[in-house]
Amino acid sequence: MKYTVEPIRNKRQIMEVEEYLKKKNYRDMVIWIFGVNTGLRISDILGLNVGDIRNKSIIELKEKKTQKLKQIFLNKKLKNILHKFILGRENSEPLFAGRMRCHRLCRSQVYRIINEACKAVGVAETHIGTHTMRKTFGYHHYKQFKDIAILQEIFNHSSPAITMRYLGINQDEINRSYQQFEL
């Protein structure tokens, strides 16, 4: 059965996932915070090394899926957490490593981590996956700035309609219009 993952629309639930992961494994919390604050695909997050982010406010990478160069601004919260996370680590190490520091986490491990955390805090009404972090970033970025053109550029989508559908904004807006309409 194929399904589409959804963003987490409730900010309280996003914070509950963060707190759950912080108690369980600091690395996993950093992955979560990184994902929901940058909107990067998990393949791009897991491809980073410590040296890619050390002492930087803006990171540059080549997206694995699109092969396009991308710049990502690291907000204050993310910079502070990453600074603590990489203390004493070598630049050549994977940013997100498994038990053995020389091996990167794989996408399926992160999928299990995110799913377990979401279920533990009661985020079960939507389909959850690693892409949930990217969609959650996009959903809340749109809600804050109402600028679909910027998100279209961030996500490298070919049209605003694709970005709206990707985030589930269209259906939310339609549902809200029905709720607020009455004759």
Protein backbone atom coordinates (compact mmCIF):
# COMPACT_ATOMS: atom_id res chain seq x y z
CA MET A 1 0.00 0.00 0.00
CA LYS A 2 1.50 3.29 -1.09
CA TYR A 3 0.74 6.41 0.89
CA THR A 4 1.89 10.00 1.09
CA VAL A 5 3.41 11.29 4.29
CA GLU A 6 1.91 14.38 5.83
CA PRO A 7 3.32 17.38 7.67
CA ILE A 8 2.77 17.70 11.39
CA ARG A 9 0.48 20.70 11.56
CA ASN A 10 0.38 21.07 15.35
CA LYS A 11 3.43 22.94 16.74
CA ARG A 12 2.93 21.42 20.18
CA GLN A 13 3.32 17.94 18.68
CA ILE A 14 6.51 19.00 16.89
CA MET A 15 7.94 20.09 20.24
CA GLU A 16 6.77 16.88 21.91
CA VAL A 17 8.64 14.83 19.30
CA GLU A 18 11.73 16.98 19.93
CA GLU A 19 11.49 16.48 23.72
CA TYR A 20 10.94 12.73 23.34
CA LEU A 21 14.00 12.42 21.11
CA LYS A 22 16.09 14.60 23.44
CA LYS A 23 15.42 12.19 26.31
CA LYS A 24 16.05 9.11 24.17
CA ASN A 25 19.05 10.08 22.01
CA TYR A 26 20.56 13.53 21.48
CA ARG A 27 21.69 12.68 17.93
CA ASP A 28 18.15 11.74 16.95
CA MET A 29 16.84 15.03 18.35
CA VAL A 30 19.44 16.92 16.29
CA ILE A 31 18.33 15.10 13.12
CA TRP A 32 14.72 16.07 13.88
CA ILE A 33 15.55 19.71 14.55
CA PHE A 34 17.76 19.82 11.45
CA GLY A 35 14.99 18.39 9.26
CA VAL A 36 12.13 20.58 10.47
CA ASN A 37 14.27 23.74 10.37
CA THR A 38 15.85 23.31 6.92
CA GLY A 39 13.37 21.38 4.80
CA LEU A 40 16.17 19.25 3.33
CA ARG A 41 15.53 15.73 2.10
CA ILE A 42 16.85 13.03 4.41
CA SER A 43 19.35 11.89 1.76
CA ASP A 44 20.92 15.35 1.81
CA ILE A 45 20.93 15.56 5.62
CA LEU A 46 22.58 12.16 5.98
CA GLY A 47 25.19 13.06 3.35
CA LEU A 48 26.62 15.90 5.44
CA ASN A 49 29.94 15.72 7.26
CA VAL A 50 30.90 17.61 10.40
CA GLY A 51 33.13 19.92 8.35
CA ASP A 52 30.19 20.89 6.12
CA ILE A 53 28.52 22.72 9.01
CA ARG A 54 31.35 23.67 11.39
CA ASN A 55 31.50 27.46 12.02
CA LYS A 56 28.97 28.17 9.26
CA SER A 57 25.75 30.13 9.13
CA ILE A 58 25.07 29.04 5.56
CA ILE A 59 25.84 25.59 4.26
CA GLU A 60 26.18 24.74 0.60
CA LEU A 61 25.40 21.37 -0.88
CA LYS A 62 24.47 19.66 -4.09
CA GLU A 63 21.07 18.04 -3.75
CA LYS A 64 21.22 14.31 -4.42
CA LYS A 65 17.84 14.18 -6.16
CA THR A 66 18.06 17.28 -8.37
CA GLN A 67 21.85 17.72 -8.58
CA LYS A 68 21.22 21.45 -8.03
CA LEU A 69 23.43 23.55 -5.80
CA LYS A 70 21.61 24.79 -2.74
CA GLN A 71 22.40 27.15 0.11
CA ILE A 72 20.77 26.56 3.47
CA PHE A 73 20.74 29.17 6.22
CA LEU A 74 21.16 27.68 9.70
CA ASN A 75 18.92 29.53 12.14
CA LYS A 76 20.08 30.40 15.66
CA LYS A 77 18.47 27.37 17.32
CA LEU A 78 19.98 24.97 14.82
CA LYS A 79 23.45 26.57 14.98
CA ASN A 80 23.51 26.33 18.78
CA ILE A 81 22.46 22.69 18.81
CA LEU A 82 24.88 21.75 16.02
CA HIS A 83 27.77 23.53 17.77
CA LYS A 84 27.23 21.39 20.88
CA PHE A 85 26.66 18.26 18.78
CA ILE A 86 29.98 18.46 16.90
CA LEU A 87 32.29 19.47 19.76
CA GLY A 88 35.43 17.31 19.70
CA ARG A 89 34.55 15.65 16.40
CA GLU A 90 36.65 15.49 13.24
CA ASN A 91 35.58 17.41 10.12
CA SER A 92 35.72 14.24 8.01
CA GLU A 93 33.20 12.35 10.19
CA PRO A 94 29.61 11.93 9.00
CA LEU A 95 27.45 14.49 10.79
CA PHE A 96 24.92 11.79 11.64
CA ALA A 97 26.75 8.56 12.29
CA GLY A 98 25.61 5.26 13.67
CA ARG A 99 27.19 3.52 16.64
CA MET A 100 30.48 3.43 14.80
CA ARG A 101 31.32 7.04 14.03
CA CYS A 102 32.73 6.21 10.61
CA HIS A 103 29.38 4.85 9.32
CA ARG A 104 26.49 7.10 8.33
CA LEU A 105 22.99 6.49 9.56
CA CYS A 106 20.80 5.13 6.80
CA ARG A 107 17.40 6.40 5.76
CA SER A 108 15.60 3.34 7.15
CA GLN A 109 17.12 3.89 10.61
CA VAL A 110 15.93 7.49 10.61
CA TYR A 111 12.49 6.34 9.41
CA ARG A 112 12.25 4.02 12.44
CA ILE A 113 13.45 6.77 14.80
CA ILE A 114 10.92 9.32 13.51
CA ASN A 115 8.05 6.82 13.46
CA GLU A 116 8.73 5.60 16.99
CA ALA A 117 8.95 9.16 18.35
CA CYS A 118 5.76 10.29 16.61
CA LYS A 119 3.81 7.28 17.82
CA ALA A 120 5.16 7.73 21.37
CA VAL A 121 3.80 11.28 21.56
CA GLY A 122 0.51 10.49 19.84
CA VAL A 123 1.12 11.76 16.33
CA ALA A 124 -0.66 8.83 14.76
CA GLU A 125 -3.44 10.46 12.77
CA THR A 126 -1.16 11.07 9.79
CA HIS A 127 1.28 8.98 7.79
CA ILE A 128 4.78 9.60 9.13
CA GLY A 129 8.12 9.14 7.41
CA THR A 130 11.42 10.89 6.97
CA HIS A 131 9.79 13.23 4.45
CA THR A 132 7.45 14.38 7.24
CA MET A 133 10.26 16.66 8.46
CA ARG A 134 10.52 18.35 5.05
CA LYS A 135 6.76 18.75 4.71
CA THR A 136 6.46 20.02 8.29
CA PHE A 137 9.07 22.68 7.55
CA GLY A 138 7.20 23.70 4.41
CA TYR A 139 3.77 23.76 6.02
CA HIS A 140 4.86 25.98 8.91
CA HIS A 141 7.04 28.18 6.69
CA TYR A 142 3.98 28.81 4.52
CA LYS A 143 1.75 29.48 7.53
CA GLN A 144 4.25 32.00 8.89
CA PHE A 145 5.18 33.85 5.69
CA LYS A 146 2.32 33.06 3.25
CA ASP A 147 4.84 33.11 0.40
CA ILE A 148 4.40 30.07 -1.80
CA ALA A 149 6.95 31.39 -4.34
CA ILE A 150 9.78 31.18 -1.80
CA LEU A 151 8.77 27.63 -0.86
CA GLN A 152 8.53 26.67 -4.51
CA GLU A 153 12.15 27.82 -4.87
CA ILE A 154 13.27 26.09 -1.66
CA PHE A 155 11.71 22.81 -2.75
CA ASN A 156 12.69 23.17 -6.44
CA HIS A 157 9.09 22.62 -7.56
CA SER A 158 8.03 23.60 -11.07
CA SER A 159 4.86 25.47 -10.03
CA PRO A 160 3.15 26.99 -6.99
CA ALA A 161 0.27 24.53 -7.42
CA ILE A 162 2.64 21.60 -6.93
CA THR A 163 4.01 23.16 -3.75
CA MET A 164 0.52 23.81 -2.37
CA ARG A 165 -0.54 20.23 -3.09
CA TYR A 166 2.74 18.91 -1.65
CA LEU A 167 2.06 20.67 1.64
CA GLY A 168 -1.63 19.80 1.77
CA ILE A 169 -2.48 23.50 1.89
CA ASN A 170 -5.16 23.33 -0.80
CA GLN A 171 -7.30 20.81 1.10
CA ASP A 172 -6.84 22.66 4.39
CA GLU A 173 -7.98 25.90 2.78
CA ILE A 174 -10.95 24.20 1.11
CA ASN A 175 -12.01 22.58 4.39
CA ARG A 176 -11.68 25.90 6.25
CA SER A 177 -13.75 27.68 3.62
CA TYR A 178 -16.53 25.10 4.04
CA GLN A 179 -16.42 25.50 7.82
CA GLN A 180 -16.67 29.28 7.60
CA PHE A 181 -19.34 29.39 4.86
CA GLU A 182 -22.99 29.45 5.74
CA LEU A 183 -26.12 30.73 3.99
